Amino acid sequence: MPQTPGGPSDELVRRLYDAKFPHHKPSKEMSVPEKVGELLELQKIAYGIRIAQGDKLQPWEKPWDVEP
């Protein structure tokens, strides 16, 4: 893969990817309850960020208070 002019080197991108993604379990290896749990956690994080930014959210945009 050729390096983009002015962009990060391929080696840097590869090192950053390798450093970050071993900590993530590939979704194909996760059970459905694990996937749902991860989705719900990410929704809660996104909701908190949007509220902190002062976004006016619709009622359906609030995460459900459920456990997988």
PDB file of N, CA and C in Angstrom:
ATOM      1  N   MET A   1       0.849  -1.161   0.000  1.00  0.00           N
ATOM      2  CA  MET A   1       0.000   0.000   0.000  1.00  0.00           C
ATOM      3  C   MET A   1       0.904   1.236   0.000  1.00  0.00           C
ATOM      4  N   PRO A   2       0.741   2.138  -0.991  1.00  0.00           N
ATOM      5  CA  PRO A   2       1.599   3.313  -1.053  1.00  0.00           C
ATOM      6  C   PRO A   2       1.219   4.340   0.008  1.00  0.00           C
ATOM      7  N   GLN A   3       2.209   5.079   0.438  1.00  0.00           N
ATOM      8  CA  GLN A   3       1.990   6.112   1.457  1.00  0.00           C
ATOM      9  C   GLN A   3       1.329   7.321   0.809  1.00  0.00           C
ATOM     10  N   THR A   4       0.359   7.889   1.511  1.00  0.00           N
ATOM     11  CA  THR A   4      -0.311   9.094   1.047  1.00  0.00           C
ATOM     12  C   THR A   4       0.615  10.282   1.286  1.00  0.00           C
ATOM     13  N   PRO A   5       0.785  11.157   0.290  1.00  0.00           N
ATOM     14  CA  PRO A   5       1.641  12.333   0.511  1.00  0.00           C
ATOM     15  C   PRO A   5       1.132  13.162   1.684  1.00  0.00           C
ATOM     16  N   GLY A   6       2.009  13.486   2.616  1.00  0.00           N
ATOM     17  CA  GLY A   6       1.644  14.289   3.774  1.00  0.00           C
ATOM     18  C   GLY A   6       0.935  13.515   4.867  1.00  0.00           C
ATOM     19  N   GLY A   7       0.664  12.253   4.644  1.00  0.00           N
ATOM     20  CA  GLY A   7      -0.039  11.451   5.636  1.00  0.00           C
ATOM     21  C   GLY A   7       0.930  10.645   6.477  1.00  0.00           C
ATOM     22  N   PRO A   8       0.395   9.902   7.446  1.00  0.00           N
ATOM     23  CA  PRO A   8       1.270   9.082   8.285  1.00  0.00           C
ATOM     24  C   PRO A   8       1.866   7.934   7.474  1.00  0.00           C
ATOM     25  N   SER A   9       3.016   7.481   7.904  1.00  0.00           N
ATOM     26  CA  SER A   9       3.658   6.379   7.194  1.00  0.00           C
ATOM     27  C   SER A   9       2.857   5.095   7.400  1.00  0.00           C
ATOM     28  N   ASP A  10       3.006   4.192   6.468  1.00  0.00           N
ATOM     29  CA  ASP A  10       2.330   2.901   6.576  1.00  0.00           C
ATOM     30  C   ASP A  10       2.750   2.173   7.849  1.00  0.00           C
ATOM     31  N   GLU A  11       4.023   2.305   8.200  1.00  0.00           N
ATOM     32  CA  GLU A  11       4.537   1.646   9.406  1.00  0.00           C
ATOM     33  C   GLU A  11       3.860   2.206  10.654  1.00  0.00           C
ATOM     34  N   LEU A  12       3.699   3.522  10.724  1.00  0.00           N
ATOM     35  CA  LEU A  12       3.038   4.132  11.875  1.00  0.00           C
ATOM     36  C   LEU A  12       1.590   3.665  11.972  1.00  0.00           C
ATOM     37  N   VAL A  13       0.889   3.660  10.878  1.00  0.00           N
ATOM     38  CA  VAL A  13      -0.506   3.210  10.879  1.00  0.00           C
ATOM     39  C   VAL A  13      -0.583   1.760  11.337  1.00  0.00           C
ATOM     40  N   ARG A  14       0.288   0.918  10.842  1.00  0.00           N
ATOM     41  CA  ARG A  14       0.306  -0.501  11.217  1.00  0.00           C
ATOM     42  C   ARG A  14       0.585  -0.662  12.710  1.00  0.00           C
ATOM     43  N   ARG A  15       1.559   0.108  13.248  1.00  0.00           N
ATOM     44  CA  ARG A  15       1.880   0.020  14.682  1.00  0.00           C
ATOM     45  C   ARG A  15       0.711   0.486  15.539  1.00  0.00           C
ATOM     46  N   LEU A  16       0.070   1.589  15.146  1.00  0.00           N
ATOM     47  CA  LEU A  16      -1.080   2.082  15.905  1.00  0.00           C
ATOM     48  C   LEU A  16      -2.224   1.077  15.881  1.00  0.00           C
ATOM     49  N   TYR A  17      -2.489   0.496  14.713  1.00  0.00           N
ATOM     50  CA  TYR A  17      -3.543  -0.499  14.587  1.00  0.00           C
ATOM     51  C   TYR A  17      -3.235  -1.710  15.461  1.00  0.00           C
ATOM     52  N   ASP A  18      -2.026  -2.197  15.371  1.00  0.00           N
ATOM     53  CA  ASP A  18      -1.643  -3.370  16.158  1.00  0.00           C
ATOM     54  C   ASP A  18      -1.707  -3.101  17.660  1.00  0.00           C
ATOM     55  N   ALA A  19      -1.396  -1.873  18.067  1.00  0.00           N
ATOM     56  CA  ALA A  19      -1.431  -1.532  19.484  1.00  0.00           C
ATOM     57  C   ALA A  19      -2.856  -1.419  20.005  1.00  0.00           C
ATOM     58  N   LYS A  20      -3.778  -0.998  19.160  1.00  0.00           N
ATOM     59  CA  LYS A  20      -5.143  -0.763  19.614  1.00  0.00           C
ATOM     60  C   LYS A  20      -6.027  -2.007  19.519  1.00  0.00           C
ATOM     61  N   PHE A  21      -6.017  -2.688  18.420  1.00  0.00           N
ATOM     62  CA  PHE A  21      -7.030  -3.693  18.160  1.00  0.00           C
ATOM     63  C   PHE A  21      -6.840  -5.058  18.799  1.00  0.00           C
ATOM     64  N   PRO A  22      -5.684  -5.421  19.321  1.00  0.00           N
ATOM     65  CA  PRO A  22      -5.641  -6.698  20.043  1.00  0.00           C
ATOM     66  C   PRO A  22      -6.521  -6.678  21.290  1.00  0.00           C
ATOM     67  N   HIS A  23      -6.825  -5.483  21.790  1.00  0.00           N
ATOM     68  CA  HIS A  23      -7.645  -5.369  22.991  1.00  0.00           C
ATOM     69  C   HIS A  23      -9.134  -5.543  22.687  1.00  0.00           C
ATOM     70  N   HIS A  24      -9.490  -5.509  21.422  1.00  0.00           N
ATOM     71  CA  HIS A  24     -10.881  -5.659  21.025  1.00  0.00           C
ATOM     72  C   HIS A  24     -11.113  -7.089  20.553  1.00  0.00           C
ATOM     73  N   LYS A  25     -12.112  -7.707  21.106  1.00  0.00           N
ATOM     74  CA  LYS A  25     -12.458  -9.058  20.693  1.00  0.00           C
ATOM     75  C   LYS A  25     -13.202  -8.953  19.358  1.00  0.00           C
ATOM     76  N   PRO A  26     -12.755  -9.648  18.335  1.00  0.00           N
ATOM     77  CA  PRO A  26     -13.466  -9.568  17.059  1.00  0.00           C
ATOM     78  C   PRO A  26     -14.927  -9.967  17.223  1.00  0.00           C
ATOM     79  N   SER A  27     -15.800  -9.226  16.565  1.00  0.00           N
ATOM     80  CA  SER A  27     -17.229  -9.447  16.746  1.00  0.00           C
ATOM     81  C   SER A  27     -17.670 -10.844  16.325  1.00  0.00           C
ATOM     82  N   LYS A  28     -16.956 -11.459  15.402  1.00  0.00           N
ATOM     83  CA  LYS A  28     -17.358 -12.811  14.996  1.00  0.00           C
ATOM     84  C   LYS A  28     -17.139 -13.828  16.107  1.00  0.00           C
ATOM     85  N   GLU A  29     -16.281 -13.482  17.076  1.00  0.00           N
ATOM     86  CA  GLU A  29     -16.028 -14.379  18.198  1.00  0.00           C
ATOM     87  C   GLU A  29     -16.939 -14.089  19.392  1.00  0.00           C
ATOM     88  N   MET A  30     -17.695 -12.997  19.326  1.00  0.00           N
ATOM     89  CA  MET A  30     -18.539 -12.602  20.451  1.00  0.00           C
ATOM     90  C   MET A  30     -19.903 -13.274  20.356  1.00  0.00           C
ATOM     91  N   SER A  31     -20.484 -13.566  21.511  1.00  0.00           N
ATOM     92  CA  SER A  31     -21.841 -14.092  21.540  1.00  0.00           C
ATOM     93  C   SER A  31     -22.811 -12.930  21.321  1.00  0.00           C
ATOM     94  N   VAL A  32     -24.059 -13.258  21.020  1.00  0.00           N
ATOM     95  CA  VAL A  32     -25.066 -12.216  20.815  1.00  0.00           C
ATOM     96  C   VAL A  32     -25.228 -11.350  22.070  1.00  0.00           C
ATOM     97  N   PRO A  33     -25.324 -11.934  23.274  1.00  0.00           N
ATOM     98  CA  PRO A  33     -25.428 -11.078  24.462  1.00  0.00           C
ATOM     99  C   PRO A  33     -24.228 -10.139  24.632  1.00  0.00           C
ATOM    100  N   GLU A  34     -23.019 -10.596  24.283  1.00  0.00           N
ATOM    101  CA  GLU A  34     -21.839  -9.729  24.359  1.00  0.00           C
ATOM    102  C   GLU A  34     -21.948  -8.574  23.365  1.00  0.00           C
ATOM    103  N   LYS A  35     -22.413  -8.876  22.153  1.00  0.00           N
ATOM    104  CA  LYS A  35     -22.573  -7.835  21.130  1.00  0.00           C
ATOM    105  C   LYS A  35     -23.613  -6.803  21.564  1.00  0.00           C
ATOM    106  N   VAL A  36     -24.718  -7.266  22.102  1.00  0.00           N
ATOM    107  CA  VAL A  36     -25.769  -6.357  22.563  1.00  0.00           C
ATOM    108  C   VAL A  36     -25.251  -5.515  23.720  1.00  0.00           C
ATOM    109  N   GLY A  37     -24.528  -6.130  24.634  1.00  0.00           N
ATOM    110  CA  GLY A  37     -23.963  -5.400  25.759  1.00  0.00           C
ATOM    111  C   GLY A  37     -23.004  -4.316  25.304  1.00  0.00           C
ATOM    112  N   GLU A  38     -22.166  -4.639  24.318  1.00  0.00           N
ATOM    113  CA  GLU A  38     -21.236  -3.653  23.787  1.00  0.00           C
ATOM    114  C   GLU A  38     -21.987  -2.506  23.111  1.00  0.00           C
ATOM    115  N   LEU A  39     -23.007  -2.835  22.346  1.00  0.00           N
ATOM    116  CA  LEU A  39     -23.822  -1.819  21.682  1.00  0.00           C
ATOM    117  C   LEU A  39     -24.476  -0.882  22.703  1.00  0.00           C
ATOM    118  N   LEU A  40     -25.053  -1.451  23.760  1.00  0.00           N
ATOM    119  CA  LEU A  40     -25.703  -0.639  24.778  1.00  0.00           C
ATOM    120  C   LEU A  40     -24.701   0.268  25.490  1.00  0.00           C
ATOM    121  N   GLU A  41     -23.515  -0.242  25.762  1.00  0.00           N
ATOM    122  CA  GLU A  41     -22.487   0.561  26.420  1.00  0.00           C
ATOM    123  C   GLU A  41     -22.050   1.717  25.526  1.00  0.00           C
ATOM    124  N   LEU A  42     -21.872   1.453  24.238  1.00  0.00           N
ATOM    125  CA  LEU A  42     -21.483   2.510  23.311  1.00  0.00           C
ATOM    126  C   LEU A  42     -22.587   3.557  23.166  1.00  0.00           C
ATOM    127  N   GLN A  43     -23.848   3.122  23.198  1.00  0.00           N
ATOM    128  CA  GLN A  43     -24.960   4.067  23.130  1.00  0.00           C
ATOM    129  C   GLN A  43     -24.965   4.983  24.358  1.00  0.00           C
ATOM    130  N   LYS A  44     -24.682   4.417  25.527  1.00  0.00           N
ATOM    131  CA  LYS A  44     -24.641   5.227  26.754  1.00  0.00           C
ATOM    132  C   LYS A  44     -23.510   6.258  26.681  1.00  0.00           C
ATOM    133  N   ILE A  45     -22.381   5.860  26.149  1.00  0.00           N
ATOM    134  CA  ILE A  45     -21.253   6.779  26.003  1.00  0.00           C
ATOM    135  C   ILE A  45     -21.618   7.904  25.037  1.00  0.00           C
ATOM    136  N   ALA A  46     -22.189   7.543  23.887  1.00  0.00           N
ATOM    137  CA  ALA A  46     -22.575   8.538  22.886  1.00  0.00           C
ATOM    138  C   ALA A  46     -23.627   9.487  23.444  1.00  0.00           C
ATOM    139  N   TYR A  47     -24.572   8.958  24.206  1.00  0.00           N
ATOM    140  CA  TYR A  47     -25.617   9.786  24.820  1.00  0.00           C
ATOM    141  C   TYR A  47     -24.992  10.802  25.784  1.00  0.00           C
ATOM    142  N   GLY A  48     -24.077  10.342  26.615  1.00  0.00           N
ATOM    143  CA  GLY A  48     -23.414  11.239  27.557  1.00  0.00           C
ATOM    144  C   GLY A  48     -22.650  12.356  26.856  1.00  0.00           C
ATOM    145  N   ILE A  49     -21.995  12.025  25.761  1.00  0.00           N
ATOM    146  CA  ILE A  49     -21.253  13.027  24.994  1.00  0.00           C
ATOM    147  C   ILE A  49     -22.212  14.059  24.408  1.00  0.00           C
ATOM    148  N   ARG A  50     -23.312  13.587  23.828  1.00  0.00           N
ATOM    149  CA  ARG A  50     -24.269  14.504  23.200  1.00  0.00           C
ATOM    150  C   ARG A  50     -24.935  15.407  24.233  1.00  0.00           C
ATOM    151  N   ILE A  51     -25.253  14.865  25.403  1.00  0.00           N
ATOM    152  CA  ILE A  51     -25.851  15.674  26.465  1.00  0.00           C
ATOM    153  C   ILE A  51     -24.842  16.729  26.940  1.00  0.00           C
ATOM    154  N   ALA A  52     -23.577  16.324  27.096  1.00  0.00           N
ATOM    155  CA  ALA A  52     -22.539  17.257  27.530  1.00  0.00           C
ATOM    156  C   ALA A  52     -22.328  18.385  26.521  1.00  0.00           C
ATOM    157  N   GLN A  53     -22.578  18.095  25.253  1.00  0.00           N
ATOM    158  CA  GLN A  53     -22.439  19.105  24.213  1.00  0.00           C
ATOM    159  C   GLN A  53     -23.665  20.010  24.138  1.00  0.00           C
ATOM    160  N   GLY A  54     -24.700  19.679  24.909  1.00  0.00           N
ATOM    161  CA  GLY A  54     -25.901  20.498  24.928  1.00  0.00           C
ATOM    162  C   GLY A  54     -26.907  20.168  23.840  1.00  0.00           C
ATOM    163  N   ASP A  55     -26.762  19.014  23.214  1.00  0.00           N
ATOM    164  CA  ASP A  55     -27.711  18.613  22.170  1.00  0.00           C
ATOM    165  C   ASP A  55     -29.094  18.382  22.764  1.00  0.00           C
ATOM    166  N   LYS A  56     -30.106  18.809  22.067  1.00  0.00           N
ATOM    167  CA  LYS A  56     -31.490  18.540  22.449  1.00  0.00           C
ATOM    168  C   LYS A  56     -31.894  17.232  21.759  1.00  0.00           C
ATOM    169  N   LEU A  57     -32.062  16.187  22.548  1.00  0.00           N
ATOM    170  CA  LEU A  57     -32.352  14.871  21.985  1.00  0.00           C
ATOM    171  C   LEU A  57     -33.845  14.569  22.050  1.00  0.00           C
ATOM    172  N   GLN A  58     -34.301  13.816  21.077  1.00  0.00           N
ATOM    173  CA  GLN A  58     -35.674  13.344  21.057  1.00  0.00           C
ATOM    174  C   GLN A  58     -35.793  12.185  22.054  1.00  0.00           C
ATOM    175  N   PRO A  59     -37.000  11.913  22.545  1.00  0.00           N
ATOM    176  CA  PRO A  59     -37.165  10.818  23.527  1.00  0.00           C
ATOM    177  C   PRO A  59     -36.628   9.465  23.041  1.00  0.00           C
ATOM    178  N   TRP A  60     -36.760   9.201  21.760  1.00  0.00           N
ATOM    179  CA  TRP A  60     -36.308   7.901  21.244  1.00  0.00           C
ATOM    180  C   TRP A  60     -34.781   7.824  21.113  1.00  0.00           C
ATOM    181  N   GLU A  61     -34.089   8.937  21.293  1.00  0.00           N
ATOM    182  CA  GLU A  61     -32.636   8.934  21.190  1.00  0.00           C
ATOM    183  C   GLU A  61     -31.946   8.587  22.515  1.00  0.00           C
ATOM    184  N   LYS A  62     -32.701   8.519  23.583  1.00  0.00           N
ATOM    185  CA  LYS A  62     -32.145   8.139  24.877  1.00  0.00           C
ATOM    186  C   LYS A  62     -31.955   6.627  24.910  1.00  0.00           C
ATOM    187  N   PRO A  63     -30.813   6.155  25.391  1.00  0.00           N
ATOM    188  CA  PRO A  63     -30.587   4.703  25.443  1.00  0.00           C
ATOM    189  C   PRO A  63     -31.580   4.022  26.391  1.00  0.00           C
ATOM    190  N   TRP A  64     -31.949   2.839  26.040  1.00  0.00           N
ATOM    191  CA  TRP A  64     -32.845   2.049  26.888  1.00  0.00           C
ATOM    192  C   TRP A  64     -32.104   1.603  28.135  1.00  0.00           C
ATOM    193  N   ASP A  65     -32.796   1.538  29.226  1.00  0.00           N
ATOM    194  CA  ASP A  65     -32.215   1.061  30.484  1.00  0.00           C
ATOM    195  C   ASP A  65     -32.464  -0.444  30.593  1.00  0.00           C
ATOM    196  N   VAL A  66     -31.698  -1.204  29.810  1.00  0.00           N
ATOM    197  CA  VAL A  66     -31.838  -2.663  29.783  1.00  0.00           C
ATOM    198  C   VAL A  66     -30.467  -3.301  29.902  1.00  0.00           C
ATOM    199  N   GLU A  67     -30.471  -4.546  30.254  1.00  0.00           N
ATOM    200  CA  GLU A  67     -29.245  -5.343  30.294  1.00  0.00           C
ATOM    201  C   GLU A  67     -29.412  -6.511  29.332  1.00  0.00           C
ATOM    202  N   PRO A  68     -28.352  -6.874  28.616  1.00  0.00           N
ATOM    203  CA  PRO A  68     -28.462  -7.990  27.653  1.00  0.00           C
ATOM    204  C   PRO A  68     -28.638  -9.330  28.344  1.00  0.00           C
TER     205      PRO A  68
END
